[in-house]
Protein backbone atom coordinates (compact mmCIF):
# COMPACT_ATOMS: atom_id res chain seq x y z
CA MET A 1 6.15 10.24 8.23
CA ASN A 2 4.84 7.02 9.86
CA ALA A 3 5.90 3.48 8.90
CA VAL A 4 2.94 2.88 6.57
CA ALA A 5 3.48 6.16 4.72
CA THR A 6 7.19 5.42 4.41
CA ALA A 7 6.48 2.00 2.91
CA LEU A 8 3.95 3.47 0.50
CA TRP A 9 6.39 6.12 -0.65
CA ALA A 10 8.99 3.42 -1.35
CA VAL A 11 6.48 1.60 -3.55
CA TYR A 12 5.58 4.78 -5.46
CA ARG A 13 9.21 5.71 -5.98
CA SER A 14 10.03 2.22 -7.26
CA GLU A 15 7.37 2.36 -9.95
CA SER A 16 9.81 3.28 -12.68
CA PHE A 17 9.65 -0.44 -13.50
CA ARG A 18 7.88 -1.35 -16.71
CA PHE A 19 4.17 -2.24 -16.86
CA PHE A 20 3.67 -4.99 -19.41
CA ARG A 21 0.53 -5.61 -21.36
CA THR A 22 0.27 -8.99 -23.03
CA ALA A 23 -2.16 -9.57 -25.86
CA HIS A 24 -2.71 -12.89 -27.58
CA GLN A 25 -1.88 -12.50 -31.24
CA GLY A 26 -1.62 -15.41 -33.64
CA GLY A 27 -0.48 -17.93 -31.10
CA GLY A 28 2.08 -15.60 -29.51
CA TYR A 29 2.10 -12.70 -27.11
CA LYS A 30 3.01 -9.13 -27.88
CA MET A 31 4.39 -6.96 -25.09
CA THR A 32 4.27 -3.18 -25.02
CA ALA A 33 5.59 -1.07 -22.17
CA SER A 34 6.53 2.39 -20.97
CA THR A 35 7.70 3.62 -17.60
CA PHE A 36 6.50 6.41 -15.37
CA ASP A 37 9.93 8.01 -15.78
CA GLU A 38 9.53 8.03 -19.57
CA ILE A 39 6.02 9.48 -19.30
CA ARG A 40 7.27 12.22 -16.94
CA GLN A 41 9.97 13.21 -19.43
CA VAL A 42 7.39 13.66 -22.17
CA LEU A 43 5.08 15.62 -19.86
CA ARG A 44 7.86 18.00 -18.87
CA GLU A 45 9.41 18.44 -22.34
CA HIS A 46 6.24 19.30 -24.28
CA GLN A 47 3.77 22.15 -23.99
CA ARG A 48 0.46 21.44 -25.80
CA PHE A 49 -1.58 18.50 -24.50
CA ALA A 50 -4.96 16.95 -25.22
CA ILE A 51 -6.34 14.69 -22.46
CA LEU A 52 -8.96 12.38 -24.00
CA GLY A 53 -11.59 9.97 -22.67
CA HIS A 54 -14.02 7.41 -24.05
CA VAL A 55 -17.59 7.84 -25.26
CA ARG A 56 -20.30 7.48 -22.61
CA PRO A 57 -17.72 8.45 -19.95
CA ASP A 58 -17.88 7.22 -16.37
CA GLY A 59 -16.46 8.68 -13.18
CA ASP A 60 -13.08 7.02 -13.69
CA ALA A 61 -12.62 8.53 -17.15
CA LEU A 62 -13.80 12.01 -16.16
CA GLY A 63 -11.97 12.15 -12.84
CA SER A 64 -8.73 10.84 -14.36
CA GLN A 65 -8.91 13.33 -17.24
CA LEU A 66 -9.47 16.31 -14.99
CA ALA A 67 -6.85 15.24 -12.45
CA LEU A 68 -4.08 14.83 -15.01
CA ALA A 69 -5.10 18.03 -16.82
CA LEU A 70 -5.02 20.05 -13.59
CA SER A 71 -1.62 18.64 -12.65
CA LEU A 72 -0.25 19.60 -16.06
CA GLN A 73 -1.76 23.08 -15.79
CA GLN A 74 0.11 23.52 -12.51
CA LEU A 75 3.28 22.92 -14.54
CA GLY A 76 2.30 25.75 -16.90
CA LYS A 77 1.17 23.49 -19.73
CA ASP A 78 -1.46 24.31 -22.36
CA VAL A 79 -4.09 21.60 -21.88
CA ARG A 80 -7.32 20.64 -23.63
CA VAL A 81 -9.66 18.11 -21.98
CA TRP A 82 -12.12 16.45 -24.36
CA ASN A 83 -14.54 13.61 -24.71
CA GLU A 84 -17.43 13.11 -27.10
CA ASP A 85 -20.06 13.87 -24.45
CA GLY A 86 -18.37 16.63 -22.47
CA ILE A 87 -18.96 16.74 -18.72
CA LEU A 88 -22.02 14.80 -17.57
CA GLU A 89 -24.71 16.39 -15.42
CA LYS A 90 -24.13 13.96 -12.53
CA TYR A 91 -20.41 14.78 -12.44
CA SER A 92 -20.73 18.55 -12.80
CA PHE A 93 -19.72 18.92 -9.13
CA LEU A 94 -16.17 17.77 -9.91
CA PRO A 95 -13.56 20.49 -9.28
CA ARG A 96 -12.87 22.48 -12.46
CA SER A 97 -15.37 20.39 -14.40
CA GLU A 98 -15.81 23.28 -16.83
CA LEU A 99 -12.45 22.38 -18.36
CA LEU A 100 -13.88 19.17 -19.78
CA THR A 101 -15.71 19.88 -23.03
CA LYS A 102 -16.82 18.27 -26.24
CA PRO A 103 -14.15 18.35 -28.96
CA PRO A 104 -13.99 21.40 -31.26
CA ALA A 105 -15.36 21.31 -34.80
CA THR A 106 -11.99 22.40 -36.16
CA ALA A 107 -9.16 19.93 -35.61
CA GLU A 108 -6.13 21.09 -33.64
CA ASP A 109 -2.43 20.25 -33.50
CA VAL A 110 -1.02 19.15 -30.15
CA ASP A 111 2.35 17.94 -28.99
CA VAL A 112 0.95 15.05 -26.96
CA ALA A 113 -2.44 13.30 -27.02
CA ILE A 114 -3.18 11.18 -23.94
CA ALA A 115 -6.00 8.63 -24.01
CA LEU A 116 -7.19 7.63 -20.54
CA ASP A 117 -9.36 4.68 -19.53
CA THR A 118 -10.06 3.85 -23.19
CA ALA A 119 -9.63 0.19 -24.04
CA ILE A 120 -10.02 0.60 -27.81
CA GLN A 121 -8.87 3.74 -29.62
CA SER A 122 -12.09 3.92 -31.66
CA ARG A 123 -13.95 4.37 -28.35
CA LEU A 124 -12.62 7.93 -28.32
CA GLY A 125 -15.38 8.65 -30.85
CA THR A 126 -15.48 12.14 -32.37
CA VAL A 127 -12.47 13.17 -30.28
CA LEU A 128 -10.19 11.36 -32.75
CA ALA A 129 -11.15 13.73 -35.56
CA ALA A 130 -10.34 16.73 -33.33
CA ILE A 131 -6.64 15.77 -33.24
CA ARG A 132 -5.14 16.91 -36.54
CA SER A 133 -1.69 15.90 -35.48
CA ALA A 134 0.13 14.77 -32.34
CA LYS A 135 3.84 14.13 -32.04
CA ILE A 136 3.22 11.47 -29.37
CA TRP A 137 0.21 9.35 -28.40
CA ILE A 138 0.11 8.04 -24.82
CA ASN A 139 -2.28 5.28 -23.75
CA ILE A 140 -2.92 4.85 -19.99
CA ASP A 141 -5.56 2.32 -19.04
CA HIS A 142 -6.51 -0.64 -16.84
CA HIS A 143 -8.67 -2.70 -19.24
CA LEU A 144 -7.46 -6.24 -19.90
CA SER A 145 -8.64 -6.02 -23.53
CA ASN A 146 -6.54 -2.94 -24.38
CA PRO A 147 -4.33 -3.93 -27.38
CA GLY A 148 -1.60 -1.43 -26.51
CA TYR A 149 -2.22 1.28 -29.12
CA GLY A 150 -0.12 4.45 -29.06
CA ASP A 151 3.55 5.40 -28.90
CA MET A 152 3.79 5.07 -25.12
CA VAL A 153 1.66 2.61 -23.19
CA ILE A 154 0.90 1.87 -19.56
CA VAL A 155 -1.87 -0.71 -19.23
CA ASP A 156 -2.17 -2.26 -15.78
CA PRO A 157 -5.12 -4.69 -15.59
CA SER A 158 -4.45 -5.25 -11.89
CA ALA A 159 -5.47 -1.65 -11.14
CA PRO A 160 -9.15 -1.31 -10.19
CA ALA A 161 -9.33 2.14 -11.81
CA THR A 162 -7.34 4.28 -14.20
CA GLY A 163 -7.46 6.93 -11.49
CA GLU A 164 -5.22 4.73 -9.34
CA ILE A 165 -2.61 4.60 -12.13
CA ILE A 166 -2.78 8.38 -12.55
CA PHE A 167 -2.23 8.81 -8.81
CA ARG A 168 0.82 6.55 -8.94
CA LEU A 169 2.18 8.50 -11.91
CA ILE A 170 1.66 11.85 -10.18
CA LYS A 171 3.05 10.68 -6.84
CA SER A 172 6.07 8.76 -8.11
CA GLN A 173 7.15 11.56 -10.44
CA GLY A 174 6.64 14.49 -8.09
CA LEU A 175 3.89 16.08 -10.20
CA PRO A 176 1.53 18.63 -8.63
CA LEU A 177 -1.19 17.23 -6.34
CA ASN A 178 -3.64 19.59 -4.65
CA HIS A 179 -7.23 19.52 -3.38
CA ASP A 180 -8.89 19.66 -6.80
CA ILE A 181 -6.65 16.95 -8.23
CA ALA A 182 -7.16 14.77 -5.14
CA GLU A 183 -10.95 15.03 -5.30
CA ASN A 184 -11.06 14.11 -8.98
CA LEU A 185 -8.85 11.08 -8.36
CA TYR A 186 -10.89 10.01 -5.35
CA VAL A 187 -14.08 10.11 -7.45
CA ALA A 188 -12.36 8.17 -10.25
CA ILE A 189 -11.33 5.39 -7.87
CA SER A 190 -14.54 5.33 -5.83
CA THR A 191 -16.81 5.00 -8.84
CA ASP A 192 -14.81 2.32 -10.66
CA THR A 193 -14.48 0.19 -7.54
CA GLY A 194 -18.22 0.37 -6.81
CA SER A 195 -17.47 2.51 -3.77
CA PHE A 196 -14.57 0.22 -2.81
CA GLN A 197 -16.55 -3.04 -3.16
CA TYR A 198 -15.37 -4.75 -6.35
CA PRO A 199 -12.86 -7.64 -6.32
CA LYS A 200 -9.81 -5.70 -7.54
CA THR A 201 -10.10 -3.28 -4.62
CA SER A 202 -6.89 -3.88 -2.68
CA ALA A 203 -5.12 -2.65 0.43
CA ARG A 204 -3.21 -0.28 -1.86
CA THR A 205 -6.51 1.09 -3.16
CA PHE A 206 -7.60 2.01 0.37
CA GLU A 207 -4.15 3.42 1.15
CA ILE A 208 -4.27 5.64 -1.94
CA ALA A 209 -7.79 6.79 -1.07
CA ALA A 210 -6.64 7.63 2.46
CA GLU A 211 -3.72 9.65 1.13
CA LEU A 212 -6.02 11.55 -1.24
CA VAL A 213 -8.33 12.37 1.68
CA ARG A 214 -5.36 13.62 3.73
CA VAL A 215 -3.62 15.57 0.97
CA GLY A 216 -6.82 17.15 -0.32
CA SER A 217 -8.60 17.53 3.04
CA LEU A 218 -11.55 15.88 1.30
CA ASP A 219 -15.08 15.78 2.70
CA VAL A 220 -15.82 12.12 1.97
CA GLY A 221 -19.41 12.32 3.20
CA LYS A 222 -20.23 15.20 0.88
CA ILE A 223 -18.53 13.57 -2.11
CA SER A 224 -20.35 10.28 -1.49
CA GLN A 225 -23.69 12.06 -1.24
CA GLN A 226 -23.05 13.83 -4.56
CA LEU A 227 -22.06 10.55 -6.20
CA TYR A 228 -24.56 8.09 -4.78
CA GLU A 229 -27.45 10.00 -3.19
CA SER A 230 -28.27 12.75 -5.70
CA HIS A 231 -29.99 10.87 -8.52
CA PRO A 232 -32.66 12.63 -10.60
CA ARG A 233 -36.19 11.28 -10.30
CA ARG A 234 -36.14 10.14 -13.94
CA ARG A 235 -33.43 7.59 -13.09
CA LEU A 236 -35.74 5.82 -10.63
CA GLU A 237 -38.55 5.94 -13.18
CA LEU A 238 -36.15 4.33 -15.66
CA LEU A 239 -35.30 1.58 -13.19
CA ARG A 240 -39.00 0.90 -12.69
CA GLU A 241 -39.48 0.41 -16.44
CA LEU A 242 -36.37 -1.75 -16.76
CA LEU A 243 -37.50 -4.07 -13.98
CA ARG A 244 -40.70 -4.67 -15.91
CA THR A 245 -38.58 -6.22 -18.69
CA MET A 246 -36.43 -8.28 -16.30
CA ARG A 247 -36.01 -11.92 -17.23
CA PHE A 248 -34.02 -14.88 -15.98
CA GLU A 249 -32.35 -17.56 -18.09
CA PHE A 250 -30.46 -20.81 -17.62
CA GLY A 251 -31.78 -21.78 -14.24
CA GLY A 252 -31.59 -18.23 -12.92
CA ARG A 253 -27.84 -17.94 -13.52
CA ALA A 254 -28.32 -15.13 -16.07
CA ALA A 255 -30.52 -12.06 -15.64
CA SER A 256 -31.15 -9.25 -18.11
CA PHE A 257 -33.31 -6.26 -18.85
CA SER A 258 -33.71 -4.05 -21.92
CA LEU A 259 -34.23 -0.40 -22.76
CA THR A 260 -35.94 0.57 -26.01
CA LEU A 261 -35.54 3.90 -27.77
CA LYS A 262 -39.22 4.59 -27.15
CA THR A 263 -38.96 4.09 -23.40
CA ALA A 264 -35.85 6.27 -23.22
CA ALA A 265 -37.64 9.02 -25.16
CA ASP A 266 -40.85 8.76 -23.12
CA LEU A 267 -38.91 9.18 -19.87
CA ALA A 268 -36.53 11.82 -21.32
CA VAL A 269 -33.61 9.99 -19.73
CA LEU A 270 -29.99 10.84 -20.39
CA PRO A 271 -27.42 8.14 -21.26
CA GLU A 272 -25.70 8.76 -17.93
CA ASP A 273 -28.88 7.73 -16.08
CA ASN A 274 -28.12 4.10 -16.98
CA GLU A 275 -24.90 3.98 -14.99
CA GLY A 276 -25.01 1.43 -12.21
CA LEU A 277 -28.52 0.11 -12.86
CA ILE A 278 -27.16 -3.26 -13.96
CA ASP A 279 -25.95 -3.77 -10.39
CA HIS A 280 -29.54 -4.45 -9.34
CA LEU A 281 -29.42 -7.60 -11.49
CA ARG A 282 -25.94 -8.62 -10.42
CA ALA A 283 -26.97 -8.36 -6.75
CA ILE A 284 -29.62 -11.10 -7.06
CA ARG A 285 -28.70 -14.34 -5.30
CA GLY A 286 -27.92 -17.09 -7.82
CA VAL A 287 -27.27 -14.74 -10.74
CA VAL A 288 -23.80 -15.20 -12.23
CA VAL A 289 -24.13 -12.99 -15.31
CA ALA A 290 -26.16 -9.77 -15.62
CA VAL A 291 -26.83 -8.08 -18.96
CA PHE A 292 -28.28 -4.68 -19.86
CA PHE A 293 -29.41 -4.29 -23.49
CA GLU A 294 -29.90 -0.70 -24.68
CA GLU A 295 -31.31 0.07 -28.13
CA LEU A 296 -29.36 2.87 -29.85
CA ALA A 297 -30.39 5.25 -32.62
CA ASP A 298 -27.62 4.11 -35.00
CA GLY A 299 -29.04 0.63 -35.49
CA LYS A 300 -26.89 -0.94 -32.80
CA VAL A 301 -27.53 -2.26 -29.32
CA ARG A 302 -25.30 -1.32 -26.40
CA VAL A 303 -24.60 -4.42 -24.33
CA SER A 304 -23.33 -4.04 -20.76
CA MET A 305 -22.36 -7.23 -18.99
CA ARG A 306 -21.33 -8.11 -15.43
CA SER A 307 -20.14 -11.37 -13.88
CA LYS A 308 -19.75 -12.53 -10.29
CA ASP A 309 -17.45 -15.45 -11.20
CA GLU A 310 -14.06 -15.09 -12.86
CA ALA A 311 -14.67 -18.46 -14.56
CA VAL A 312 -17.39 -16.65 -16.54
CA ASP A 313 -15.25 -14.09 -18.38
CA VAL A 314 -17.59 -11.46 -19.79
CA CYS A 315 -14.68 -9.66 -21.45
CA ALA A 316 -14.11 -12.74 -23.61
CA ILE A 317 -17.81 -12.89 -24.43
CA CYS A 318 -17.97 -9.20 -25.39
CA GLN A 319 -14.82 -9.49 -27.51
CA LYS A 320 -16.70 -11.92 -29.74
CA PHE A 321 -19.05 -9.03 -30.51
CA GLY A 322 -16.32 -6.42 -31.04
CA GLY A 323 -16.22 -5.14 -27.49
CA GLY A 324 -14.07 -5.70 -24.43
CA GLY A 325 -13.35 -4.58 -20.89
CA HIS A 326 -12.60 -6.56 -17.74
CA THR A 327 -13.14 -10.17 -16.73
CA LEU A 328 -16.08 -9.22 -14.50
CA ALA A 329 -17.33 -6.11 -16.31
CA ALA A 330 -17.39 -5.58 -20.07
CA GLY A 331 -19.47 -4.27 -22.94
CA ALA A 332 -19.98 -4.06 -26.68
CA ARG A 333 -22.00 -2.26 -29.32
CA VAL A 334 -23.61 -4.80 -31.62
CA ARG A 335 -25.39 -4.08 -34.90
CA GLY A 336 -28.89 -5.52 -35.17
CA SER A 337 -32.36 -5.20 -33.73
CA LEU A 338 -32.88 -5.44 -30.00
CA ALA A 339 -34.39 -8.92 -30.30
CA GLU A 340 -31.61 -10.16 -32.59
CA VAL A 341 -28.81 -8.97 -30.34
CA GLU A 342 -30.51 -10.29 -27.21
CA GLY A 343 -30.78 -13.71 -28.82
CA LYS A 344 -27.17 -13.87 -30.02
CA VAL A 345 -25.66 -12.60 -26.78
CA LEU A 346 -27.75 -14.79 -24.51
CA GLU A 347 -26.91 -17.84 -26.62
CA GLU A 348 -23.20 -17.08 -26.18
CA ILE A 349 -23.73 -16.77 -22.44
CA ARG A 350 -25.56 -20.08 -22.45
CA GLY A 351 -22.54 -21.80 -23.96
CA VAL A 352 -20.17 -20.33 -21.37
CA LEU A 353 -22.41 -21.28 -18.45
CA GLU A 354 -22.85 -24.82 -19.79
CA ARG A 355 -19.09 -25.28 -20.15
CA LYS A 356 -18.61 -23.99 -16.62
CA SER A 357 -21.10 -26.46 -15.20
């Protein structure tokens, strides 16, 4: 073991310290915490698990769910892996992706329910109704807006991906880690860091990715091609239509585009086709805030928001509309027509940009 690996192992082994999540509540701060050691004890002492993820899952949610589920299966545990949407077409290449399904119609009893990468418990969607009872709820996440729901909580907003936290849990507690687990974790981290580009990507992130490549003998080129160079044609057709709605506000500091139900139906796009398209707006020179408005069938509008400046906290903006997320990446679902929601959200952004200037 070389010097770098030795130092890394010391960090992993020391991570029995408590992760604190602070949430502003009525002028004070509430702290909730669990340790990796405490989580390991629960994982080893119980048998029936449900590993849950949020609606409209991304690579971090799916990869983290599958990785933890596969590690538990190696321990002989009975594991269900659910989210409202099941496995997405674009992530069907993930090892053992068939394990991840939509929740059953008949609710089940489990010993432990584990919510991963889910900032608000209601974002589990129909999965919540599939859990008739659970002795323990565990909440593992990296979203700043997570209020700390559950019996055991690890929320680390400094982590760029929930997959990084799951790796640290697995490594520090001596849980199984093989090729399939490593690939799922690598995908989780790669996707939520924008292929290792976003600000929270750290030296530790690269070190973890390197260890996953070594342990799993991963083919990084092949994985990257499956993630970033295998888009269906309809996704490019969707981008073309979105760019036709592109508009700039407030001296070019805010950019947005919108997707109507009609356009989505005409192109026969899937919800997963939207992932990452907002980055085209964020990448424009001079743009500080990018917004993607998507009309939904339930009378709401899905708002995705990105910022390039930590002084423009899009998590705080989205929380005003019942959402949340990270300082530089957040979202909300807002009731109202597309035009109404666009107006309200852009006006809120205007206020933030004016205060910043």
